[in-house]
Amino acid sequence: MIVYADTSFLFSLFVPDANSSAAAAVMKRVRPPLLATDFAEFEFINALHWRIFRKELRASEEQAVLLSLSKDVHDGLIRIVPISAATFAHARRIARTQTRLLGTRSLDVLHVASALALRASSFCTFDKNQARLAGALGLRVP
């Protein structure tokens, strides 16, 4: 089973929040590697800096989180893959058919298109809009 993780899921894995225990529980059932895109990695890093800006995270904590993510990537628990041009084309097709029905945002569509392009069967997210879109397109949302 191929499992894709969006940024909200990754963030809850590495930064304690209301969804962290749910993310940990899912990870106990997932066979590595958990797939994420280079875009999700960028969003993850930006979210860390946004938390620092809001004084919700210290810079020293950020470094520990980034080291933990790097270790999991190095150990093969998480695999970061680039978004291909074909994925953007698929995202455009999804947007044409689904956004008018579900009101999805472009970045939500891109995450779901990425999961589909990577042949994922499951989509891990805590974002309700992404979960709805992923489910509508046949992805299992644990």
N, C-alpha and C. Protein backbone atom coordinates (compact mmCIF):
# COMPACT_ATOMS: atom_id res chain seq x y z
N MET A 1 0.85 -1.18 0.00
CA MET A 1 0.00 0.00 0.00
C MET A 1 0.89 1.25 0.00
N ILE A 2 0.64 2.14 -0.92
CA ILE A 2 1.39 3.39 -1.02
C ILE A 2 0.60 4.47 -0.29
N VAL A 3 1.27 5.17 0.62
CA VAL A 3 0.61 6.19 1.43
C VAL A 3 1.27 7.54 1.20
N TYR A 4 0.45 8.53 0.91
CA TYR A 4 0.90 9.91 0.69
C TYR A 4 0.54 10.74 1.91
N ALA A 5 1.44 11.62 2.30
CA ALA A 5 1.18 12.54 3.43
C ALA A 5 1.23 13.97 2.95
N ASP A 6 0.22 14.74 3.31
CA ASP A 6 0.25 16.17 3.01
C ASP A 6 0.97 16.89 4.15
N THR A 7 1.07 18.19 4.03
CA THR A 7 1.82 18.99 5.01
C THR A 7 1.18 18.95 6.39
N SER A 8 -0.14 18.98 6.46
CA SER A 8 -0.78 18.98 7.78
C SER A 8 -0.45 17.70 8.55
N PHE A 9 -0.40 16.60 7.84
CA PHE A 9 -0.06 15.32 8.48
C PHE A 9 1.40 15.32 8.92
N LEU A 10 2.29 15.71 8.02
CA LEU A 10 3.72 15.77 8.37
C LEU A 10 3.95 16.68 9.57
N PHE A 11 3.29 17.83 9.56
CA PHE A 11 3.49 18.78 10.66
C PHE A 11 3.08 18.15 11.99
N SER A 12 1.96 17.46 11.99
CA SER A 12 1.49 16.83 13.23
C SER A 12 2.39 15.68 13.67
N LEU A 13 3.11 15.08 12.74
CA LEU A 13 4.07 14.04 13.12
C LEU A 13 5.27 14.62 13.86
N PHE A 14 5.68 15.82 13.49
CA PHE A 14 6.94 16.37 14.00
C PHE A 14 6.79 17.51 15.00
N VAL A 15 5.64 18.16 15.01
CA VAL A 15 5.43 19.28 15.92
C VAL A 15 4.17 18.97 16.74
N PRO A 16 4.30 18.85 18.05
CA PRO A 16 3.14 18.50 18.86
C PRO A 16 1.97 19.47 18.65
N ASP A 17 0.82 18.89 18.33
CA ASP A 17 -0.41 19.67 18.16
C ASP A 17 -1.60 18.75 18.44
N ALA A 18 -2.80 19.24 18.18
CA ALA A 18 -4.01 18.49 18.49
C ALA A 18 -4.13 17.19 17.69
N ASN A 19 -3.43 17.08 16.57
CA ASN A 19 -3.53 15.89 15.72
C ASN A 19 -2.34 14.95 15.84
N SER A 20 -1.38 15.26 16.68
CA SER A 20 -0.16 14.46 16.77
C SER A 20 -0.40 13.01 17.16
N SER A 21 -1.29 12.77 18.10
CA SER A 21 -1.53 11.39 18.52
C SER A 21 -2.21 10.60 17.40
N ALA A 22 -3.10 11.23 16.66
CA ALA A 22 -3.74 10.57 15.52
C ALA A 22 -2.70 10.26 14.43
N ALA A 23 -1.79 11.18 14.18
CA ALA A 23 -0.74 10.96 13.19
C ALA A 23 0.16 9.80 13.61
N ALA A 24 0.52 9.75 14.87
CA ALA A 24 1.37 8.66 15.38
C ALA A 24 0.65 7.32 15.24
N ALA A 25 -0.64 7.30 15.51
CA ALA A 25 -1.42 6.06 15.40
C ALA A 25 -1.44 5.57 13.94
N VAL A 26 -1.61 6.48 13.00
CA VAL A 26 -1.60 6.10 11.59
C VAL A 26 -0.24 5.54 11.22
N MET A 27 0.82 6.17 11.69
CA MET A 27 2.17 5.72 11.35
C MET A 27 2.46 4.31 11.85
N LYS A 28 1.81 3.89 12.91
CA LYS A 28 2.00 2.52 13.41
C LYS A 28 1.42 1.50 12.44
N ARG A 29 0.48 1.92 11.60
CA ARG A 29 -0.16 1.01 10.65
C ARG A 29 0.43 1.11 9.24
N VAL A 30 1.26 2.10 8.99
CA VAL A 30 1.79 2.35 7.65
C VAL A 30 3.12 1.64 7.46
N ARG A 31 3.27 1.04 6.30
CA ARG A 31 4.56 0.44 5.95
C ARG A 31 5.37 1.48 5.20
N PRO A 32 6.57 1.79 5.69
CA PRO A 32 7.39 2.83 5.05
C PRO A 32 7.76 2.45 3.61
N PRO A 33 8.06 3.43 2.80
CA PRO A 33 8.15 4.85 3.15
C PRO A 33 6.81 5.57 2.97
N LEU A 34 6.61 6.56 3.79
CA LEU A 34 5.51 7.50 3.63
C LEU A 34 5.97 8.49 2.57
N LEU A 35 5.14 8.72 1.54
CA LEU A 35 5.54 9.62 0.46
C LEU A 35 5.05 11.04 0.70
N ALA A 36 5.89 12.00 0.38
CA ALA A 36 5.54 13.42 0.40
C ALA A 36 6.29 14.07 -0.75
N THR A 37 5.81 15.22 -1.18
CA THR A 37 6.47 15.91 -2.29
C THR A 37 7.44 16.98 -1.79
N ASP A 38 8.26 17.44 -2.70
CA ASP A 38 9.16 18.54 -2.38
C ASP A 38 8.35 19.80 -2.04
N PHE A 39 7.16 19.91 -2.62
CA PHE A 39 6.27 21.02 -2.28
C PHE A 39 5.81 20.92 -0.82
N ALA A 40 5.43 19.71 -0.38
CA ALA A 40 5.02 19.51 1.02
C ALA A 40 6.18 19.82 1.96
N GLU A 41 7.38 19.45 1.54
CA GLU A 41 8.57 19.76 2.36
C GLU A 41 8.74 21.28 2.47
N PHE A 42 8.56 21.99 1.37
CA PHE A 42 8.65 23.45 1.39
C PHE A 42 7.58 24.03 2.32
N GLU A 43 6.33 23.56 2.17
CA GLU A 43 5.25 24.04 3.04
C GLU A 43 5.54 23.77 4.51
N PHE A 44 6.11 22.61 4.78
CA PHE A 44 6.46 22.22 6.14
C PHE A 44 7.47 23.21 6.74
N ILE A 45 8.52 23.50 5.98
CA ILE A 45 9.55 24.43 6.45
C ILE A 45 8.96 25.83 6.63
N ASN A 46 8.13 26.25 5.70
CA ASN A 46 7.49 27.56 5.83
C ASN A 46 6.59 27.61 7.06
N ALA A 47 5.86 26.53 7.32
CA ALA A 47 4.99 26.48 8.50
C ALA A 47 5.80 26.57 9.80
N LEU A 48 6.97 25.97 9.80
CA LEU A 48 7.84 26.09 10.98
C LEU A 48 8.23 27.56 11.21
N HIS A 49 8.62 28.23 10.15
CA HIS A 49 9.02 29.64 10.27
C HIS A 49 7.84 30.53 10.64
N TRP A 50 6.66 30.17 10.14
CA TRP A 50 5.45 30.92 10.50
C TRP A 50 5.18 30.76 11.99
N ARG A 51 5.40 29.56 12.53
CA ARG A 51 5.22 29.34 13.96
C ARG A 51 6.23 30.16 14.77
N ILE A 52 7.45 30.27 14.27
CA ILE A 52 8.46 31.10 14.95
C ILE A 52 8.00 32.56 14.92
N PHE A 53 7.55 33.03 13.77
CA PHE A 53 7.06 34.39 13.64
C PHE A 53 5.95 34.68 14.65
N ARG A 54 5.06 33.72 14.84
CA ARG A 54 3.93 33.88 15.76
C ARG A 54 4.31 33.60 17.21
N LYS A 55 5.60 33.33 17.45
CA LYS A 55 6.11 33.05 18.80
C LYS A 55 5.50 31.77 19.39
N GLU A 56 5.17 30.82 18.53
CA GLU A 56 4.63 29.53 18.96
C GLU A 56 5.70 28.44 18.93
N LEU A 57 6.87 28.77 18.42
CA LEU A 57 7.97 27.83 18.30
C LEU A 57 9.28 28.61 18.42
N ARG A 58 10.24 28.04 19.10
CA ARG A 58 11.55 28.68 19.21
C ARG A 58 12.47 28.16 18.10
N ALA A 59 13.46 28.95 17.74
CA ALA A 59 14.40 28.55 16.68
C ALA A 59 15.11 27.26 17.05
N SER A 60 15.43 27.07 18.30
CA SER A 60 16.09 25.83 18.72
C SER A 60 15.17 24.63 18.51
N GLU A 61 13.87 24.82 18.70
CA GLU A 61 12.92 23.73 18.45
C GLU A 61 12.82 23.43 16.96
N GLU A 62 12.89 24.48 16.15
CA GLU A 62 12.84 24.31 14.70
C GLU A 62 13.99 23.41 14.24
N GLN A 63 15.18 23.66 14.75
CA GLN A 63 16.33 22.85 14.36
C GLN A 63 16.14 21.39 14.73
N ALA A 64 15.58 21.13 15.89
CA ALA A 64 15.34 19.76 16.33
C ALA A 64 14.31 19.08 15.41
N VAL A 65 13.27 19.81 15.02
CA VAL A 65 12.25 19.27 14.12
C VAL A 65 12.87 18.94 12.76
N LEU A 66 13.66 19.86 12.23
CA LEU A 66 14.28 19.63 10.92
C LEU A 66 15.25 18.45 10.96
N LEU A 67 15.98 18.31 12.05
CA LEU A 67 16.87 17.16 12.20
C LEU A 67 16.08 15.86 12.25
N SER A 68 14.98 15.87 12.95
CA SER A 68 14.14 14.68 13.06
C SER A 68 13.56 14.30 11.69
N LEU A 69 13.09 15.28 10.94
CA LEU A 69 12.60 15.02 9.58
C LEU A 69 13.73 14.46 8.72
N SER A 70 14.89 15.08 8.76
CA SER A 70 16.04 14.62 7.97
C SER A 70 16.40 13.18 8.31
N LYS A 71 16.37 12.86 9.57
CA LYS A 71 16.69 11.49 10.01
C LYS A 71 15.68 10.50 9.45
N ASP A 72 14.39 10.85 9.51
CA ASP A 72 13.37 9.95 8.98
C ASP A 72 13.50 9.78 7.47
N VAL A 73 13.88 10.84 6.76
CA VAL A 73 14.12 10.73 5.32
C VAL A 73 15.34 9.85 5.09
N HIS A 74 16.42 10.10 5.80
CA HIS A 74 17.65 9.31 5.66
C HIS A 74 17.41 7.84 5.97
N ASP A 75 16.59 7.56 6.99
CA ASP A 75 16.31 6.19 7.40
C ASP A 75 15.27 5.49 6.52
N GLY A 76 14.71 6.21 5.55
CA GLY A 76 13.77 5.61 4.63
C GLY A 76 12.33 5.54 5.12
N LEU A 77 12.03 6.22 6.23
CA LEU A 77 10.66 6.22 6.74
C LEU A 77 9.77 7.16 5.92
N ILE A 78 10.38 8.22 5.42
CA ILE A 78 9.68 9.20 4.59
C ILE A 78 10.50 9.38 3.32
N ARG A 79 9.82 9.45 2.19
CA ARG A 79 10.52 9.71 0.93
C ARG A 79 9.93 10.99 0.33
N ILE A 80 10.81 11.95 0.06
CA ILE A 80 10.42 13.22 -0.57
C ILE A 80 10.66 13.07 -2.07
N VAL A 81 9.59 13.30 -2.85
CA VAL A 81 9.71 13.17 -4.31
C VAL A 81 9.32 14.49 -4.98
N PRO A 82 9.95 14.79 -6.11
CA PRO A 82 9.62 16.04 -6.80
C PRO A 82 8.27 15.95 -7.50
N ILE A 83 7.63 17.09 -7.63
CA ILE A 83 6.38 17.15 -8.39
C ILE A 83 6.74 17.27 -9.87
N SER A 84 6.16 16.40 -10.66
CA SER A 84 6.46 16.38 -12.09
C SER A 84 5.51 17.29 -12.87
N ALA A 85 5.89 17.57 -14.10
CA ALA A 85 5.01 18.35 -14.99
C ALA A 85 3.71 17.61 -15.23
N ALA A 86 3.77 16.28 -15.30
CA ALA A 86 2.56 15.49 -15.50
C ALA A 86 1.60 15.65 -14.32
N THR A 87 2.15 15.81 -13.13
CA THR A 87 1.31 16.00 -11.95
C THR A 87 0.56 17.33 -12.04
N PHE A 88 1.24 18.37 -12.50
CA PHE A 88 0.56 19.66 -12.68
C PHE A 88 -0.55 19.54 -13.73
N ALA A 89 -0.31 18.80 -14.79
CA ALA A 89 -1.34 18.59 -15.80
C ALA A 89 -2.54 17.85 -15.20
N HIS A 90 -2.26 16.84 -14.39
CA HIS A 90 -3.34 16.10 -13.73
C HIS A 90 -4.09 17.02 -12.76
N ALA A 91 -3.37 17.88 -12.07
CA ALA A 91 -4.01 18.83 -11.15
C ALA A 91 -4.96 19.76 -11.91
N ARG A 92 -4.55 20.18 -13.08
CA ARG A 92 -5.43 21.04 -13.89
C ARG A 92 -6.72 20.30 -14.25
N ARG A 93 -6.60 19.02 -14.61
CA ARG A 93 -7.79 18.23 -14.95
C ARG A 93 -8.70 18.08 -13.72
N ILE A 94 -8.10 17.81 -12.58
CA ILE A 94 -8.89 17.67 -11.34
C ILE A 94 -9.59 18.99 -11.03
N ALA A 95 -8.88 20.09 -11.16
CA ALA A 95 -9.48 21.41 -10.87
C ALA A 95 -10.70 21.66 -11.76
N ARG A 96 -10.57 21.29 -13.04
CA ARG A 96 -11.69 21.52 -13.96
C ARG A 96 -12.93 20.72 -13.59
N THR A 97 -12.74 19.55 -13.03
CA THR A 97 -13.91 18.71 -12.73
C THR A 97 -14.38 18.80 -11.28
N GLN A 98 -13.48 19.07 -10.34
CA GLN A 98 -13.83 18.96 -8.93
C GLN A 98 -13.99 20.29 -8.19
N THR A 99 -13.24 21.30 -8.56
CA THR A 99 -13.28 22.55 -7.79
C THR A 99 -14.66 23.17 -7.81
N ARG A 100 -15.33 23.13 -8.94
CA ARG A 100 -16.69 23.71 -9.01
C ARG A 100 -17.68 22.94 -8.14
N LEU A 101 -17.37 21.66 -7.85
CA LEU A 101 -18.26 20.85 -7.01
C LEU A 101 -17.92 20.94 -5.53
N LEU A 102 -16.62 20.99 -5.23
CA LEU A 102 -16.17 20.90 -3.84
C LEU A 102 -15.57 22.18 -3.28
N GLY A 103 -15.31 23.16 -4.14
CA GLY A 103 -14.72 24.42 -3.68
C GLY A 103 -13.29 24.28 -3.19
N THR A 104 -12.53 23.40 -3.81
CA THR A 104 -11.16 23.14 -3.37
C THR A 104 -10.21 24.25 -3.80
N ARG A 105 -9.20 24.45 -2.98
CA ARG A 105 -8.15 25.43 -3.29
C ARG A 105 -7.09 24.77 -4.16
N SER A 106 -6.34 25.57 -4.88
CA SER A 106 -5.36 25.03 -5.83
C SER A 106 -4.31 24.16 -5.15
N LEU A 107 -3.85 24.55 -3.98
CA LEU A 107 -2.81 23.75 -3.33
C LEU A 107 -3.37 22.43 -2.81
N ASP A 108 -4.65 22.40 -2.45
CA ASP A 108 -5.28 21.14 -2.08
C ASP A 108 -5.33 20.20 -3.28
N VAL A 109 -5.70 20.75 -4.43
CA VAL A 109 -5.75 19.96 -5.66
C VAL A 109 -4.36 19.42 -5.99
N LEU A 110 -3.34 20.24 -5.82
CA LEU A 110 -1.98 19.80 -6.13
C LEU A 110 -1.54 18.64 -5.22
N HIS A 111 -1.87 18.70 -3.95
CA HIS A 111 -1.53 17.58 -3.06
C HIS A 111 -2.22 16.29 -3.50
N VAL A 112 -3.51 16.38 -3.79
CA VAL A 112 -4.25 15.18 -4.19
C VAL A 112 -3.75 14.66 -5.54
N ALA A 113 -3.48 15.55 -6.48
CA ALA A 113 -2.92 15.13 -7.77
C ALA A 113 -1.57 14.45 -7.58
N SER A 114 -0.78 14.95 -6.65
CA SER A 114 0.52 14.34 -6.37
C SER A 114 0.35 12.92 -5.84
N ALA A 115 -0.60 12.75 -4.93
CA ALA A 115 -0.85 11.40 -4.39
C ALA A 115 -1.27 10.45 -5.51
N LEU A 116 -2.15 10.91 -6.37
CA LEU A 116 -2.60 10.06 -7.48
C LEU A 116 -1.46 9.76 -8.45
N ALA A 117 -0.64 10.75 -8.75
CA ALA A 117 0.50 10.54 -9.66
C ALA A 117 1.49 9.53 -9.08
N LEU A 118 1.61 9.50 -7.77
CA LEU A 118 2.52 8.56 -7.10
C LEU A 118 1.87 7.20 -6.86
N ARG A 119 0.65 7.05 -7.37
CA ARG A 119 -0.12 5.80 -7.26
C ARG A 119 -0.42 5.42 -5.81
N ALA A 120 -0.63 6.43 -5.00
CA ALA A 120 -0.99 6.18 -3.60
C ALA A 120 -2.40 5.61 -3.53
N SER A 121 -2.61 4.78 -2.53
CA SER A 121 -3.96 4.28 -2.28
C SER A 121 -4.56 4.98 -1.06
N SER A 122 -3.68 5.54 -0.22
CA SER A 122 -4.14 6.26 0.98
C SER A 122 -3.56 7.66 0.99
N PHE A 123 -4.34 8.58 1.57
CA PHE A 123 -3.97 9.99 1.62
C PHE A 123 -4.10 10.45 3.07
N CYS A 124 -2.99 10.77 3.70
CA CYS A 124 -3.00 11.21 5.10
C CYS A 124 -3.02 12.73 5.19
N THR A 125 -4.07 13.23 5.80
CA THR A 125 -4.24 14.67 5.95
C THR A 125 -5.14 14.96 7.15
N PHE A 126 -5.00 16.16 7.68
CA PHE A 126 -5.93 16.66 8.69
C PHE A 126 -6.72 17.84 8.13
N ASP A 127 -6.56 18.09 6.85
CA ASP A 127 -7.27 19.16 6.16
C ASP A 127 -8.57 18.59 5.59
N LYS A 128 -9.68 19.08 6.07
CA LYS A 128 -10.99 18.54 5.67
C LYS A 128 -11.26 18.69 4.18
N ASN A 129 -10.83 19.81 3.59
CA ASN A 129 -11.05 20.01 2.15
C ASN A 129 -10.25 19.01 1.33
N GLN A 130 -9.00 18.80 1.70
CA GLN A 130 -8.19 17.82 0.98
C GLN A 130 -8.74 16.42 1.16
N ALA A 131 -9.19 16.10 2.37
CA ALA A 131 -9.75 14.78 2.64
C ALA A 131 -10.98 14.54 1.77
N ARG A 132 -11.84 15.52 1.65
CA ARG A 132 -13.05 15.39 0.84
C ARG A 132 -12.69 15.16 -0.63
N LEU A 133 -11.74 15.94 -1.15
CA LEU A 133 -11.32 15.79 -2.53
C LEU A 133 -10.66 14.43 -2.74
N ALA A 134 -9.76 14.05 -1.85
CA ALA A 134 -9.08 12.76 -1.98
C ALA A 134 -10.09 11.61 -1.99
N GLY A 135 -11.06 11.66 -1.10
CA GLY A 135 -12.09 10.62 -1.05
C GLY A 135 -12.92 10.59 -2.32
N ALA A 136 -13.24 11.76 -2.85
CA ALA A 136 -14.04 11.85 -4.08
C ALA A 136 -13.30 11.23 -5.26
N LEU A 137 -11.98 11.23 -5.19
CA LEU A 137 -11.17 10.68 -6.30
C LEU A 137 -10.66 9.27 -6.01
N GLY A 138 -11.23 8.64 -4.99
CA GLY A 138 -10.94 7.24 -4.75
C GLY A 138 -9.81 6.92 -3.80
N LEU A 139 -9.22 7.92 -3.19
CA LEU A 139 -8.15 7.67 -2.21
C LEU A 139 -8.76 7.36 -0.85
N ARG A 140 -8.16 6.44 -0.14
CA ARG A 140 -8.60 6.13 1.22
C ARG A 140 -7.98 7.18 2.14
N VAL A 141 -8.80 7.75 3.02
CA VAL A 141 -8.31 8.74 3.97
C VAL A 141 -8.47 8.13 5.37
N PRO A 142 -7.33 7.70 5.95
CA PRO A 142 -7.43 7.03 7.26
C PRO A 142 -7.89 7.96 8.37
